[in-house]
PDB file of N, CA and C in Angstrom:
ATOM      1  N   UNK A   1       0.868  -1.205   0.013  1.00  0.00           N
ATOM      2  CA  UNK A   1       0.015   0.000   0.006  1.00  0.00           C
ATOM      3  C   UNK A   1       0.888   1.223  -0.005  1.00  0.00           C
ATOM      4  N   UNK A   2       0.649   2.152  -0.935  1.00  0.00           N
ATOM      5  CA  UNK A   2       1.424   3.354  -1.037  1.00  0.00           C
ATOM      6  C   UNK A   2       0.931   4.327  -0.028  1.00  0.00           C
ATOM      7  N   UNK A   3       1.773   5.304   0.220  1.00  0.00           N
ATOM      8  CA  UNK A   3       1.385   6.398   1.160  1.00  0.00           C
ATOM      9  C   UNK A   3       0.117   7.084   0.674  1.00  0.00           C
ATOM     10  N   UNK A   4      -0.001   7.330  -0.575  1.00  0.00           N
ATOM     11  CA  UNK A   4      -1.103   8.018  -1.235  1.00  0.00           C
ATOM     12  C   UNK A   4      -2.402   7.283  -0.942  1.00  0.00           C
ATOM     13  N   UNK A   5      -2.369   5.915  -1.129  1.00  0.00           N
ATOM     14  CA  UNK A   5      -3.499   5.101  -0.890  1.00  0.00           C
ATOM     15  C   UNK A   5      -3.904   5.091   0.525  1.00  0.00           C
ATOM     16  N   UNK A   6      -2.942   5.064   1.418  1.00  0.00           N
ATOM     17  CA  UNK A   6      -3.215   5.066   2.857  1.00  0.00           C
ATOM     18  C   UNK A   6      -3.884   6.407   3.295  1.00  0.00           C
ATOM     19  N   UNK A   7      -3.273   7.514   2.777  1.00  0.00           N
ATOM     20  CA  UNK A   7      -3.908   8.825   3.173  1.00  0.00           C
ATOM     21  C   UNK A   7      -5.237   9.036   2.563  1.00  0.00           C
ATOM     22  N   UNK A   8      -5.426   8.463   1.393  1.00  0.00           N
ATOM     23  CA  UNK A   8      -6.787   8.646   0.742  1.00  0.00           C
ATOM     24  C   UNK A   8      -7.783   7.836   1.541  1.00  0.00           C
ATOM     25  N   UNK A   9      -7.445   6.596   1.969  1.00  0.00           N
ATOM     26  CA  UNK A   9      -8.343   5.751   2.708  1.00  0.00           C
ATOM     27  C   UNK A   9      -8.710   6.455   4.031  1.00  0.00           C
ATOM     28  N   UNK A  10      -7.622   7.065   4.670  1.00  0.00           N
ATOM     29  CA  UNK A  10      -7.944   7.740   5.939  1.00  0.00           C
ATOM     30  C   UNK A  10      -8.900   8.964   5.721  1.00  0.00           C
ATOM     31  N   UNK A  11      -8.687   9.723   4.674  1.00  0.00           N
ATOM     32  CA  UNK A  11      -9.477  10.888   4.400  1.00  0.00           C
ATOM     33  C   UNK A  11     -10.894  10.483   3.996  1.00  0.00           C
ATOM     34  N   UNK A  12     -11.080   9.366   3.366  1.00  0.00           N
ATOM     35  CA  UNK A  12     -12.383   8.890   2.967  1.00  0.00           C
ATOM     36  C   UNK A  12     -13.211   8.396   4.121  1.00  0.00           C
ATOM     37  N   UNK A  13     -12.588   7.822   5.228  1.00  0.00           N
ATOM     38  CA  UNK A  13     -13.283   7.240   6.241  1.00  0.00           C
ATOM     39  C   UNK A  13     -13.148   8.021   7.535  1.00  0.00           C
ATOM     40  N   UNK A  14     -12.005   7.926   8.151  1.00  0.00           N
ATOM     41  CA  UNK A  14     -11.820   8.559   9.449  1.00  0.00           C
ATOM     42  C   UNK A  14     -11.703  10.038   9.383  1.00  0.00           C
ATOM     43  N   UNK A  15     -11.118  10.585   8.346  1.00  0.00           N
ATOM     44  CA  UNK A  15     -11.011  11.998   8.211  1.00  0.00           C
ATOM     45  C   UNK A  15     -12.361  12.661   8.173  1.00  0.00           C
ATOM     46  N   UNK A  16     -13.318  12.091   7.458  1.00  0.00           N
ATOM     47  CA  UNK A  16     -14.637  12.619   7.430  1.00  0.00           C
ATOM     48  C   UNK A  16     -15.316  12.616   8.761  1.00  0.00           C
ATOM     49  N   UNK A  17     -15.098  11.533   9.477  1.00  0.00           N
ATOM     50  CA  UNK A  17     -15.694  11.465  10.853  1.00  0.00           C
ATOM     51  C   UNK A  17     -15.085  12.523  11.769  1.00  0.00           C
ATOM     52  N   UNK A  18     -13.790  12.745  11.668  1.00  0.00           N
ATOM     53  CA  UNK A  18     -13.113  13.766  12.506  1.00  0.00           C
ATOM     54  C   UNK A  18     -13.641  15.130  12.143  1.00  0.00           C
ATOM     55  N   UNK A  19     -13.826  15.394  10.901  1.00  0.00           N
ATOM     56  CA  UNK A  19     -14.271  16.712  10.484  1.00  0.00           C
ATOM     57  C   UNK A  19     -15.707  16.994  10.922  1.00  0.00           C
ATOM     58  N   UNK A  20     -16.542  15.972  10.802  1.00  0.00           N
ATOM     59  CA  UNK A  20     -17.940  16.083  11.265  1.00  0.00           C
ATOM     60  C   UNK A  20     -18.008  16.319  12.779  1.00  0.00           C
ATOM     61  N   UNK A  21     -17.208  15.544  13.470  1.00  0.00           N
ATOM     62  CA  UNK A  21     -17.224  15.721  14.944  1.00  0.00           C
ATOM     63  C   UNK A  21     -16.673  17.102  15.361  1.00  0.00           C
ATOM     64  N   UNK A  22     -15.625  17.543  14.711  1.00  0.00           N
ATOM     65  CA  UNK A  22     -15.100  18.932  14.994  1.00  0.00           C
ATOM     66  C   UNK A  22     -16.177  19.977  14.628  1.00  0.00           C
ATOM     67  N   UNK A  23     -16.836  19.815  13.528  1.00  0.00           N
ATOM     68  CA  UNK A  23     -17.890  20.836  13.151  1.00  0.00           C
ATOM     69  C   UNK A  23     -19.005  20.871  14.169  1.00  0.00           C
ATOM     70  N   UNK A  24     -19.501  19.685  14.601  1.00  0.00           N
ATOM     71  CA  UNK A  24     -20.506  19.689  15.607  1.00  0.00           C
ATOM     72  C   UNK A  24     -20.063  20.218  16.948  1.00  0.00           C
ATOM     73  N   UNK A  25     -18.869  19.908  17.341  1.00  0.00           N
ATOM     74  CA  UNK A  25     -18.300  20.464  18.612  1.00  0.00           C
ATOM     75  C   UNK A  25     -18.224  21.976  18.514  1.00  0.00           C
ATOM     76  N   UNK A  26     -17.760  22.525  17.431  1.00  0.00           N
ATOM     77  CA  UNK A  26     -17.675  23.984  17.353  1.00  0.00           C
ATOM     78  C   UNK A  26     -19.024  24.650  17.240  1.00  0.00           C
ATOM     79  N   UNK A  27     -19.989  24.000  16.617  1.00  0.00           N
ATOM     80  CA  UNK A  27     -21.291  24.625  16.518  1.00  0.00           C
ATOM     81  C   UNK A  27     -22.020  24.583  17.873  1.00  0.00           C
ATOM     82  N   UNK A  28     -21.876  23.436  18.570  1.00  0.00           N
ATOM     83  CA  UNK A  28     -22.587  23.263  19.886  1.00  0.00           C
ATOM     84  C   UNK A  28     -21.933  23.887  21.060  1.00  0.00           C
ATOM     85  N   UNK A  29     -20.613  24.276  20.911  1.00  0.00           N
ATOM     86  CA  UNK A  29     -19.876  24.889  21.979  1.00  0.00           C
ATOM     87  C   UNK A  29     -20.561  26.157  22.462  1.00  0.00           C
ATOM     88  N   UNK A  30     -21.198  26.867  21.634  1.00  0.00           N
ATOM     89  CA  UNK A  30     -21.930  28.099  21.991  1.00  0.00           C
ATOM     90  C   UNK A  30     -23.099  27.848  22.938  1.00  0.00           C
ATOM     91  N   UNK A  31     -23.637  26.616  22.856  1.00  0.00           N
ATOM     92  CA  UNK A  31     -24.822  26.385  23.729  1.00  0.00           C
ATOM     93  C   UNK A  31     -24.583  25.680  25.005  1.00  0.00           C
ATOM     94  N   UNK A  32     -23.322  25.505  25.384  1.00  0.00           N
ATOM     95  CA  UNK A  32     -22.992  24.844  26.636  1.00  0.00           C
ATOM     96  C   UNK A  32     -23.464  25.728  27.772  1.00  0.00           C
ATOM     97  N   UNK A  33     -23.767  25.137  28.944  1.00  0.00           N
ATOM     98  CA  UNK A  33     -24.273  25.947  30.117  1.00  0.00           C
ATOM     99  C   UNK A  33     -23.255  26.988  30.588  1.00  0.00           C
ATOM    100  N   UNK A  34     -22.020  26.790  30.574  1.00  0.00           N
ATOM    101  CA  UNK A  34     -21.024  27.805  31.038  1.00  0.00           C
ATOM    102  C   UNK A  34     -20.749  28.915  30.125  1.00  0.00           C
ATOM    103  N   UNK A  35     -21.357  28.935  28.976  1.00  0.00           N
ATOM    104  CA  UNK A  35     -21.102  29.974  27.948  1.00  0.00           C
ATOM    105  C   UNK A  35     -22.007  31.111  28.084  1.00  0.00           C
ATOM    106  N   UNK A  36     -22.982  31.140  28.954  1.00  0.00           N
ATOM    107  CA  UNK A  36     -23.902  32.262  29.038  1.00  0.00           C
ATOM    108  C   UNK A  36     -23.235  33.616  29.238  1.00  0.00           C
ATOM    109  N   UNK A  37     -22.322  33.732  30.197  1.00  0.00           N
ATOM    110  CA  UNK A  37     -21.652  35.078  30.359  1.00  0.00           C
ATOM    111  C   UNK A  37     -20.920  35.554  29.105  1.00  0.00           C
ATOM    112  N   UNK A  38     -20.278  34.604  28.443  1.00  0.00           N
ATOM    113  CA  UNK A  38     -19.503  34.955  27.274  1.00  0.00           C
ATOM    114  C   UNK A  38     -20.447  35.323  26.083  1.00  0.00           C
ATOM    115  N   UNK A  39     -21.573  34.614  26.001  1.00  0.00           N
ATOM    116  CA  UNK A  39     -22.507  34.963  24.975  1.00  0.00           C
ATOM    117  C   UNK A  39     -23.113  36.383  25.242  1.00  0.00           C
ATOM    118  N   UNK A  40     -23.463  36.692  26.473  1.00  0.00           N
ATOM    119  CA  UNK A  40     -24.006  37.952  26.835  1.00  0.00           C
ATOM    120  C   UNK A  40     -23.017  39.092  26.565  1.00  0.00           C
ATOM    121  N   UNK A  41     -21.712  38.845  26.888  1.00  0.00           N
ATOM    122  CA  UNK A  41     -20.775  39.832  26.594  1.00  0.00           C
ATOM    123  C   UNK A  41     -20.584  40.031  25.092  1.00  0.00           C
ATOM    124  N   UNK A  42     -20.657  38.993  24.283  1.00  0.00           N
ATOM    125  CA  UNK A  42     -20.487  39.068  22.846  1.00  0.00           C
ATOM    126  C   UNK A  42     -21.658  39.797  22.266  1.00  0.00           C
ATOM    127  N   UNK A  43     -22.879  39.629  22.813  1.00  0.00           N
ATOM    128  CA  UNK A  43     -24.033  40.397  22.281  1.00  0.00           C
ATOM    129  C   UNK A  43     -23.893  41.873  22.486  1.00  0.00           C
ATOM    130  N   UNK A  44     -23.293  42.283  23.584  1.00  0.00           N
ATOM    131  CA  UNK A  44     -23.208  43.686  23.853  1.00  0.00           C
ATOM    132  C   UNK A  44     -21.919  44.358  23.363  1.00  0.00           C
ATOM    133  N   UNK A  45     -20.918  43.483  22.890  1.00  0.00           N
ATOM    134  CA  UNK A  45     -19.645  44.025  22.437  1.00  0.00           C
ATOM    135  C   UNK A  45     -19.742  44.974  21.284  1.00  0.00           C
ATOM    136  N   UNK A  46     -20.717  44.793  20.444  1.00  0.00           N
ATOM    137  CA  UNK A  46     -20.887  45.670  19.317  1.00  0.00           C
ATOM    138  C   UNK A  46     -21.201  47.152  19.733  1.00  0.00           C
ATOM    139  N   UNK A  47     -21.768  47.305  20.948  1.00  0.00           N
ATOM    140  CA  UNK A  47     -22.115  48.592  21.427  1.00  0.00           C
ATOM    141  C   UNK A  47     -21.097  49.196  22.348  1.00  0.00           C
ATOM    142  N   UNK A  48     -19.973  48.518  22.545  1.00  0.00           N
ATOM    143  CA  UNK A  48     -18.977  48.902  23.526  1.00  0.00           C
ATOM    144  C   UNK A  48     -18.457  50.300  23.281  1.00  0.00           C
ATOM    145  N   UNK A  49     -18.142  50.689  22.078  1.00  0.00           N
ATOM    146  CA  UNK A  49     -17.627  52.025  21.759  1.00  0.00           C
ATOM    147  C   UNK A  49     -18.663  53.004  21.246  1.00  0.00           C
ATOM    148  N   UNK A  50     -19.910  52.762  21.524  1.00  0.00           N
ATOM    149  CA  UNK A  50     -20.973  53.614  21.027  1.00  0.00           C
ATOM    150  C   UNK A  50     -20.967  54.859  21.900  1.00  0.00           C
ATOM    151  N   UNK A  51     -20.892  56.002  21.192  1.00  0.00           N
ATOM    152  CA  UNK A  51     -20.903  57.383  21.915  1.00  0.00           C
ATOM    153  C   UNK A  51     -22.209  58.038  21.960  1.00  0.00           C
ATOM    154  N   UNK A  52     -23.225  57.424  21.385  1.00  0.00           N
ATOM    155  CA  UNK A  52     -24.516  58.110  21.321  1.00  0.00           C
ATOM    156  C   UNK A  52     -25.256  58.120  22.719  1.00  0.00           C
ATOM    157  N   UNK A  53     -24.889  57.270  23.608  1.00  0.00           N
ATOM    158  CA  UNK A  53     -25.536  57.192  24.900  1.00  0.00           C
ATOM    159  C   UNK A  53     -26.901  56.443  24.883  1.00  0.00           C
ATOM    160  N   UNK A  54     -27.114  55.711  23.929  1.00  0.00           N
ATOM    161  CA  UNK A  54     -28.404  54.992  23.874  1.00  0.00           C
ATOM    162  C   UNK A  54     -28.279  53.643  24.603  1.00  0.00           C
TER     163      UNK A  54
END
Protein backbone atom coordinates (compact mmCIF):
# COMPACT_ATOMS: atom_id res chain seq x y z
CA UNK A 1 0.00 0.00 0.00
CA UNK A 2 1.45 3.32 -1.02
CA UNK A 3 1.37 6.40 1.16
CA UNK A 4 -1.11 8.02 -1.21
CA UNK A 5 -3.51 5.09 -0.90
CA UNK A 6 -3.23 5.07 2.87
CA UNK A 7 -3.86 8.80 3.17
CA UNK A 8 -6.77 8.62 0.75
CA UNK A 9 -8.34 5.77 2.74
CA UNK A 10 -7.93 7.78 5.95
CA UNK A 11 -9.49 10.88 4.38
CA UNK A 12 -12.40 8.90 2.97
CA UNK A 13 -13.31 7.24 6.26
CA UNK A 14 -11.81 8.54 9.48
CA UNK A 15 -11.01 12.00 8.20
CA UNK A 16 -14.66 12.63 7.39
CA UNK A 17 -15.71 11.45 10.85
CA UNK A 18 -13.15 13.75 12.49
CA UNK A 19 -14.27 16.74 10.46
CA UNK A 20 -17.96 16.12 11.26
CA UNK A 21 -17.18 15.71 14.97
CA UNK A 22 -15.13 18.92 14.98
CA UNK A 23 -17.89 20.81 13.16
CA UNK A 24 -20.55 19.65 15.62
CA UNK A 25 -18.32 20.46 18.59
CA UNK A 26 -17.65 23.98 17.35
CA UNK A 27 -21.31 24.60 16.54
CA UNK A 28 -22.61 23.28 19.85
CA UNK A 29 -19.86 24.89 21.99
CA UNK A 30 -21.92 28.10 21.96
CA UNK A 31 -24.86 26.39 23.68
CA UNK A 32 -23.02 24.84 26.64
CA UNK A 33 -24.25 25.93 30.09
CA UNK A 34 -21.04 27.77 31.06
CA UNK A 35 -21.08 29.95 27.95
CA UNK A 36 -23.90 32.26 29.05
CA UNK A 37 -21.67 35.09 30.36
CA UNK A 38 -19.51 34.96 27.24
CA UNK A 39 -22.55 35.00 24.96
CA UNK A 40 -24.02 37.97 26.83
CA UNK A 41 -20.72 39.85 26.57
CA UNK A 42 -20.48 39.08 22.86
CA UNK A 43 -24.03 40.36 22.29
CA UNK A 44 -23.17 43.70 23.88
CA UNK A 45 -19.64 44.03 22.46
CA UNK A 46 -20.88 45.70 19.29
CA UNK A 47 -22.13 48.62 21.41
CA UNK A 48 -18.96 48.93 23.54
CA UNK A 49 -17.61 52.01 21.75
CA UNK A 50 -20.98 53.61 21.06
CA UNK A 51 -20.84 57.33 21.89
CA UNK A 52 -24.54 58.10 21.35
CA UNK A 53 -25.53 57.23 24.92
CA UNK A 54 -28.39 54.97 23.89
